[in-house]
Amino acid sequence: MIARERRLPRWLRRGGLPIGGLALAYLILAPLTSIDAAQQAGLPLLTDKLWFRIATTVAMFVVMASAWNIIGGLTGYASFGNVAFFGLGAYTVGVLVSSRGWPFALALVVAPLVAAVFAVLVGIPLLRLRGHYFAVATLGVGVAVGEVVNNIGPLGASTGLFLPIVRSDLLFFYLMLAAAILAVVTTWVILRTRFGYGLLAIRENEEAAAVIGVNTTFYKVAAFCIAAALTGLAGGIFAQWNSFINQENVFAITNNVQMILMAVVGGAGTVLGPVAGAVVLKLIIETLAGGGSAAVYSQIGLGVLLAICVIFIPRGVIDFFGGRSRLSLRYLRQTLRETSA
């Protein structure tokens, strides 16, 4: 039997909708208080440069975690190489803008296409693998692509690429927020279509899915391409926002680990799980970024928190607040039996 999307209880859905709507309205309207017209009108300044940087970064990871969720959470193929799509999207924009003189808007349209085409090329052979074989293979692809880019002269090699500086925090925040909304809506639509049911069937039992008529190869590659396109879109926006890209900041394995943790802790296979995971974990990570001994202990605490989440609520905080996961000895024993099976 195909597992459908896990739903929150009615009381939480009713309370979550207005809260989510107010939060989204604040995200959209608060930055407008920073424009000259609003300041001349005497409106209070609700945002600053630090707020823009953190909010844009959080939105970027919402895109990346939601994109990973399509292949890892819905399809059940835990990819460890999605950072390659982010880097390819960033370098597509970087090369087209800095070397070819393309306008940023046009280059940004090409970025997800390049990432999606690459996903087809590597996805057809890699998606024949399963489990840890697929995970290791995709990790190798992510590392290899970064190393190749780092040794190609026209791509800046180890020096990197410098893009024209665009001083508009407002622009890049709204672009990244739009990409985040697109990623969430894409997941929501997928879960309500025949294509989404096919992905869930593959996750539950790929052989049985093939028997009932699901074209598993096409479905897996298509999910991989959608995840790649969304991740490449985020990478393209990041390239122009950061104005400088190299192997270290767009092919960083830490980003890959973070997007997976965000999806898993929030609730892989759900619509809002990656969003919750990205917001909570990225804010914690940003808080711990100051350094010092206190930051070290805080990072240890974060590691312990993640371990607790994986053991007690392996289906994410969405299920926990939905009442399906409880911190009890009985639930712990059940979880350990399921994960060790």
Protein backbone atom coordinates (compact mmCIF):
# COMPACT_ATOMS: atom_id res chain seq x y z
CA MET A 1 0.00 0.00 0.00
CA ILE A 2 1.39 3.39 -1.02
CA ALA A 3 2.09 5.75 1.86
CA ARG A 4 0.50 9.11 1.35
CA GLU A 5 1.74 12.42 2.64
CA ARG A 6 1.59 12.55 6.40
CA ARG A 7 -0.96 15.13 7.51
CA LEU A 8 -1.02 17.29 10.59
CA PRO A 9 -4.03 17.07 12.90
CA ARG A 10 -6.87 19.44 12.17
CA TRP A 11 -6.22 21.73 15.13
CA LEU A 12 -2.62 22.24 14.06
CA ARG A 13 -3.54 22.83 10.42
CA ARG A 14 -6.13 25.43 11.44
CA GLY A 15 -3.68 27.23 13.69
CA GLY A 16 -0.77 26.80 11.32
CA LEU A 17 -2.46 28.40 8.31
CA PRO A 18 -3.01 31.84 9.86
CA ILE A 19 0.39 31.76 11.57
CA GLY A 20 2.08 30.76 8.34
CA GLY A 21 0.16 33.41 6.43
CA LEU A 22 1.19 36.12 8.89
CA ALA A 23 4.82 34.98 8.75
CA LEU A 24 4.82 35.03 4.96
CA ALA A 25 3.16 38.45 4.92
CA TYR A 26 5.83 39.76 7.29
CA LEU A 27 8.60 38.32 5.12
CA ILE A 28 7.14 40.00 2.05
CA LEU A 29 6.20 43.38 3.56
CA ALA A 30 8.85 43.99 6.23
CA PRO A 31 11.71 44.52 3.74
CA LEU A 32 9.71 47.26 2.05
CA THR A 33 10.22 49.43 5.13
CA SER A 34 13.87 49.78 4.12
CA ILE A 35 13.19 51.60 0.84
CA ASP A 36 13.61 55.38 0.69
CA ALA A 37 9.91 56.11 0.20
CA ALA A 38 8.99 54.19 3.37
CA GLN A 39 11.67 55.93 5.41
CA GLN A 40 10.61 59.34 4.14
CA ALA A 41 7.07 58.48 5.19
CA GLY A 42 8.32 57.84 8.72
CA LEU A 43 7.64 54.10 8.83
CA PRO A 44 9.69 52.12 11.38
CA LEU A 45 12.64 50.18 9.97
CA LEU A 46 11.84 46.50 10.50
CA THR A 47 14.90 45.09 8.74
CA ASP A 48 18.62 45.73 8.44
CA LYS A 49 21.55 44.30 6.46
CA LEU A 50 22.08 41.45 8.92
CA TRP A 51 18.40 40.51 8.70
CA PHE A 52 18.57 40.48 4.90
CA ARG A 53 21.66 38.27 4.91
CA ILE A 54 20.23 35.71 7.34
CA ALA A 55 16.76 35.70 5.75
CA THR A 56 18.20 35.25 2.25
CA THR A 57 20.45 32.43 3.46
CA VAL A 58 17.54 30.69 5.18
CA ALA A 59 15.42 30.98 2.02
CA MET A 60 18.29 29.51 0.00
CA PHE A 61 18.46 26.47 2.26
CA VAL A 62 14.69 26.08 2.11
CA VAL A 63 15.11 25.69 -1.66
CA MET A 64 17.98 23.23 -1.29
CA ALA A 65 16.32 21.13 1.43
CA SER A 66 12.98 21.04 -0.40
CA ALA A 67 14.73 20.06 -3.63
CA TRP A 68 16.63 17.26 -1.89
CA ASN A 69 13.34 16.13 -0.34
CA ILE A 70 11.95 15.36 -3.81
CA ILE A 71 14.62 12.76 -4.57
CA GLY A 72 15.54 11.76 -1.01
CA GLY A 73 12.25 12.06 0.87
CA LEU A 74 9.60 11.29 -1.75
CA THR A 75 11.54 8.87 -3.95
CA GLY A 76 13.69 7.31 -1.23
CA TYR A 77 17.04 7.83 -2.98
CA ALA A 78 19.31 9.63 -0.53
CA SER A 79 21.51 11.73 -2.80
CA PHE A 80 24.70 13.15 -1.30
CA GLY A 81 25.70 15.03 -4.45
CA ASN A 82 23.03 17.71 -4.87
CA VAL A 83 25.67 20.32 -4.12
CA ALA A 84 26.94 19.65 -7.66
CA PHE A 85 23.69 21.11 -9.03
CA PHE A 86 24.05 24.17 -6.81
CA GLY A 87 27.60 24.69 -8.06
CA LEU A 88 26.67 24.18 -11.70
CA GLY A 89 23.87 26.72 -11.40
CA ALA A 90 26.24 29.20 -9.78
CA TYR A 91 28.96 28.72 -12.38
CA THR A 92 26.46 28.95 -15.24
CA VAL A 93 25.44 32.40 -14.06
CA GLY A 94 29.03 33.31 -13.23
CA VAL A 95 30.40 32.43 -16.65
CA LEU A 96 27.53 33.90 -18.65
CA VAL A 97 27.50 37.17 -16.71
CA SER A 98 31.22 37.77 -16.16
CA SER A 99 32.69 36.25 -19.33
CA ARG A 100 29.88 36.47 -21.89
CA GLY A 101 28.26 39.69 -20.77
CA TRP A 102 24.78 38.20 -20.47
CA PRO A 103 22.21 40.01 -18.32
CA PHE A 104 21.69 38.31 -14.97
CA ALA A 105 17.99 37.63 -15.63
CA LEU A 106 18.72 35.68 -18.81
CA ALA A 107 21.62 33.77 -17.24
CA LEU A 108 19.41 32.82 -14.31
CA VAL A 109 16.96 31.15 -16.69
CA VAL A 110 19.75 28.98 -18.10
CA ALA A 111 21.15 27.92 -14.69
CA PRO A 112 18.41 25.39 -13.74
CA LEU A 113 18.41 24.02 -17.30
CA VAL A 114 22.13 23.23 -17.14
CA ALA A 115 21.70 21.55 -13.76
CA ALA A 116 18.74 19.52 -15.04
CA VAL A 117 20.61 18.34 -18.16
CA PHE A 118 23.54 17.26 -16.01
CA ALA A 119 21.10 15.41 -13.74
CA VAL A 120 19.83 13.43 -16.73
CA LEU A 121 23.35 12.51 -17.83
CA VAL A 122 24.46 11.25 -14.41
CA GLY A 123 21.03 10.14 -13.19
CA ILE A 124 20.42 7.45 -15.80
CA PRO A 125 23.44 5.36 -14.72
CA LEU A 126 23.52 6.35 -11.01
CA LEU A 127 19.85 5.70 -10.32
CA ARG A 128 20.39 2.05 -11.15
CA LEU A 129 22.20 1.87 -7.81
CA ARG A 130 20.41 1.74 -4.48
CA GLY A 131 20.98 2.44 -0.81
CA HIS A 132 24.47 3.31 0.31
CA TYR A 133 25.88 2.55 -3.16
CA PHE A 134 23.80 5.36 -4.63
CA ALA A 135 24.67 7.69 -1.74
CA VAL A 136 28.43 7.11 -2.13
CA ALA A 137 28.25 7.42 -5.91
CA THR A 138 26.43 10.75 -5.78
CA LEU A 139 28.86 12.03 -3.17
CA GLY A 140 31.69 11.14 -5.53
CA VAL A 141 30.00 13.00 -8.37
CA GLY A 142 29.58 16.10 -6.21
CA VAL A 143 33.25 16.10 -5.22
CA ALA A 144 34.44 15.29 -8.75
CA VAL A 145 32.48 18.10 -10.40
CA GLY A 146 33.94 20.60 -7.95
CA GLU A 147 37.48 19.37 -8.62
CA VAL A 148 36.98 19.52 -12.39
CA VAL A 149 35.66 23.07 -12.22
CA ASN A 150 38.57 24.02 -9.97
CA ASN A 151 41.02 23.04 -12.74
CA ILE A 152 39.40 24.64 -15.79
CA GLY A 153 40.90 28.01 -16.73
CA PRO A 154 37.83 29.55 -18.47
CA LEU A 155 35.85 28.84 -15.29
CA GLY A 156 38.32 30.76 -13.15
CA ALA A 157 40.15 27.62 -11.97
CA SER A 158 41.30 27.97 -8.35
CA THR A 159 41.01 31.78 -8.54
CA GLY A 160 37.24 31.73 -8.96
CA LEU A 161 34.97 34.11 -10.81
CA PHE A 162 34.14 37.72 -9.96
CA LEU A 163 30.71 38.96 -11.00
CA PRO A 164 29.59 42.59 -11.29
CA ILE A 165 28.44 43.82 -7.88
CA VAL A 166 24.71 44.45 -7.63
CA ARG A 167 23.98 46.34 -4.43
CA SER A 168 20.40 45.38 -3.80
CA ASP A 169 19.74 43.23 -0.75
CA LEU A 170 16.03 43.63 -1.42
CA LEU A 171 16.29 42.13 -4.92
CA PHE A 172 18.15 39.00 -3.90
CA PHE A 173 15.98 38.43 -0.85
CA TYR A 174 12.83 38.46 -2.97
CA LEU A 175 14.44 36.28 -5.63
CA MET A 176 15.48 33.68 -3.09
CA LEU A 177 12.10 33.87 -1.33
CA ALA A 178 10.35 33.33 -4.67
CA ALA A 179 12.59 30.33 -5.34
CA ALA A 180 11.74 28.94 -1.88
CA ILE A 181 8.01 29.34 -2.50
CA LEU A 182 8.44 27.68 -5.91
CA ALA A 183 10.24 24.71 -4.31
CA VAL A 184 7.53 24.25 -1.66
CA VAL A 185 4.69 24.59 -4.18
CA THR A 186 6.43 22.13 -6.50
CA THR A 187 6.58 19.54 -3.70
CA TRP A 188 2.93 20.19 -2.83
CA VAL A 189 1.84 19.72 -6.45
CA ILE A 190 3.94 16.58 -6.90
CA LEU A 191 2.36 14.96 -3.85
CA ARG A 192 -1.09 15.47 -5.36
CA THR A 193 -0.43 14.02 -8.80
CA ARG A 194 -0.02 10.59 -10.31
CA PHE A 195 3.68 11.35 -10.63
CA GLY A 196 3.94 11.88 -6.88
CA TYR A 197 2.12 8.64 -6.12
CA GLY A 198 4.58 6.89 -8.40
CA LEU A 199 7.52 8.34 -6.47
CA LEU A 200 6.00 7.23 -3.17
CA ALA A 201 5.45 3.76 -4.60
CA ILE A 202 9.12 3.59 -5.59
CA ARG A 203 10.12 4.65 -2.09
CA GLU A 204 8.00 1.98 -0.45
CA ASN A 205 8.78 -0.91 -2.81
CA GLU A 206 10.39 -0.31 -6.19
CA GLU A 207 9.80 -3.84 -7.49
CA ALA A 208 6.11 -3.68 -6.61
CA ALA A 209 5.85 -0.24 -8.24
CA ALA A 210 7.29 -1.63 -11.47
CA VAL A 211 4.82 -4.53 -11.37
CA ILE A 212 1.81 -2.18 -11.13
CA GLY A 213 3.02 -0.24 -14.16
CA VAL A 214 5.19 2.58 -12.81
CA ASN A 215 8.04 3.44 -15.18
CA THR A 216 10.55 3.54 -12.34
CA THR A 217 13.51 4.72 -14.43
CA PHE A 218 11.60 7.66 -15.89
CA TYR A 219 10.09 8.63 -12.54
CA LYS A 220 13.43 8.52 -10.72
CA VAL A 221 15.28 10.52 -13.38
CA ALA A 222 12.44 13.05 -13.57
CA ALA A 223 12.53 13.55 -9.79
CA PHE A 224 16.31 13.90 -9.94
CA CYS A 225 15.97 16.55 -12.69
CA ILE A 226 13.37 18.56 -10.76
CA ALA A 227 15.57 18.51 -7.66
CA ALA A 228 18.57 19.55 -9.77
CA ALA A 229 16.72 22.42 -11.46
CA LEU A 230 15.53 23.90 -8.16
CA THR A 231 18.99 23.55 -6.61
CA GLY A 232 20.62 25.07 -9.69
CA LEU A 233 18.20 28.00 -9.50
CA ALA A 234 19.30 28.70 -5.92
CA GLY A 235 22.93 28.44 -7.00
CA GLY A 236 22.40 30.93 -9.80
CA ILE A 237 20.86 33.49 -7.46
CA PHE A 238 23.65 32.95 -4.95
CA ALA A 239 26.34 33.60 -7.57
CA GLN A 240 25.13 37.10 -8.37
CA TRP A 241 24.23 37.84 -4.75
CA ASN A 242 27.68 36.87 -3.48
CA SER A 243 29.48 38.48 -6.48
CA PHE A 244 32.28 35.89 -6.15
CA ILE A 245 32.21 32.12 -6.58
CA ASN A 246 34.81 29.40 -6.36
CA GLN A 247 34.94 25.72 -5.52
CA GLU A 248 34.89 26.32 -1.77
CA ASN A 249 31.71 28.37 -1.55
CA VAL A 250 29.49 26.67 -4.15
CA PHE A 251 30.64 23.05 -3.99
CA ALA A 252 30.96 22.94 -0.21
CA ILE A 253 30.15 19.48 1.15
CA THR A 254 28.96 21.15 4.38
CA ASN A 255 26.09 22.70 2.43
CA ASN A 256 25.16 19.26 1.15
CA VAL A 257 25.16 17.82 4.67
CA GLN A 258 23.11 20.72 5.98
CA MET A 259 20.38 20.43 3.34
CA ILE A 260 20.00 16.72 4.11
CA LEU A 261 19.87 17.28 7.87
CA MET A 262 17.29 20.03 7.41
CA ALA A 263 15.01 17.78 5.40
CA VAL A 264 15.44 14.79 7.73
CA VAL A 265 15.04 16.71 10.99
CA GLY A 266 12.09 18.68 9.67
CA GLY A 267 10.40 15.66 8.16
CA ALA A 268 11.51 14.05 4.89
CA GLY A 269 8.65 13.21 2.58
CA THR A 270 6.46 16.10 3.76
CA VAL A 271 5.84 19.53 2.24
CA LEU A 272 6.69 21.71 5.22
CA GLY A 273 9.25 19.48 6.92
CA PRO A 274 12.25 20.81 4.96
CA VAL A 275 11.02 24.35 5.54
CA ALA A 276 10.84 23.86 9.30
CA GLY A 277 14.21 22.12 9.35
CA ALA A 278 15.88 24.82 7.26
CA VAL A 279 14.55 27.68 9.35
CA VAL A 280 15.37 26.13 12.73
CA LEU A 281 18.74 24.60 11.92
CA LYS A 282 20.05 27.52 9.87
CA LEU A 283 19.14 30.00 12.59
CA ILE A 284 20.94 27.79 15.11
CA ILE A 285 23.97 27.50 12.84
CA GLU A 286 24.05 31.26 12.27
CA THR A 287 23.87 31.81 16.03
CA LEU A 288 26.82 29.48 16.58
CA ALA A 289 28.92 31.09 13.85
CA GLY A 290 30.58 33.58 16.23
CA GLY A 291 33.28 31.13 17.37
CA GLY A 292 34.93 30.83 20.78
CA SER A 293 34.57 28.14 23.44
CA ALA A 294 30.88 28.84 23.92
CA ALA A 295 30.28 28.15 20.23
CA VAL A 296 32.14 24.84 20.51
CA TYR A 297 29.92 23.66 23.36
CA SER A 298 26.87 24.93 21.50
CA GLN A 299 27.84 22.94 18.43
CA ILE A 300 28.23 19.83 20.57
CA GLY A 301 24.75 20.51 21.90
CA LEU A 302 23.49 20.83 18.33
CA GLY A 303 25.00 17.45 17.50
CA VAL A 304 23.32 15.88 20.52
CA LEU A 305 20.02 17.50 19.54
CA LEU A 306 20.28 16.09 16.02
CA ALA A 307 21.04 12.62 17.42
CA ILE A 308 18.00 12.81 19.69
CA CYS A 309 15.82 13.88 16.76
CA VAL A 310 17.05 11.02 14.59
CA ILE A 311 16.46 8.44 17.36
CA PHE A 312 13.17 9.64 18.81
CA ILE A 313 11.53 11.39 15.87
CA PRO A 314 13.08 9.88 12.71
CA ARG A 315 10.13 11.15 10.68
CA GLY A 316 10.84 14.73 11.66
CA VAL A 317 9.33 17.43 13.81
CA ILE A 318 6.25 17.61 11.58
CA ASP A 319 5.18 14.15 12.74
CA PHE A 320 6.19 14.96 16.31
CA PHE A 321 3.92 18.00 16.53
CA GLY A 322 1.27 16.03 14.71
CA GLY A 323 1.16 13.63 17.66
CA ARG A 324 2.51 10.61 15.78
CA SER A 325 5.87 10.55 17.59
CA ARG A 326 6.23 10.59 21.36
CA LEU A 327 9.30 10.74 23.56
CA SER A 328 8.75 7.45 25.36
CA LEU A 329 10.72 4.28 26.04
CA ARG A 330 8.21 2.25 24.06
CA TYR A 331 8.56 4.50 21.03
CA LEU A 332 12.38 4.38 21.35
CA ARG A 333 12.34 0.57 21.30
CA GLN A 334 10.01 0.57 18.30
CA THR A 335 12.23 3.02 16.44
CA LEU A 336 15.37 1.01 17.12
CA ARG A 337 13.67 -2.16 15.86
CA GLU A 338 12.54 -0.42 12.66
CA THR A 339 15.92 1.17 11.95
CA SER A 340 17.86 -2.02 12.64
CA ALA A 341 15.65 -4.21 10.51
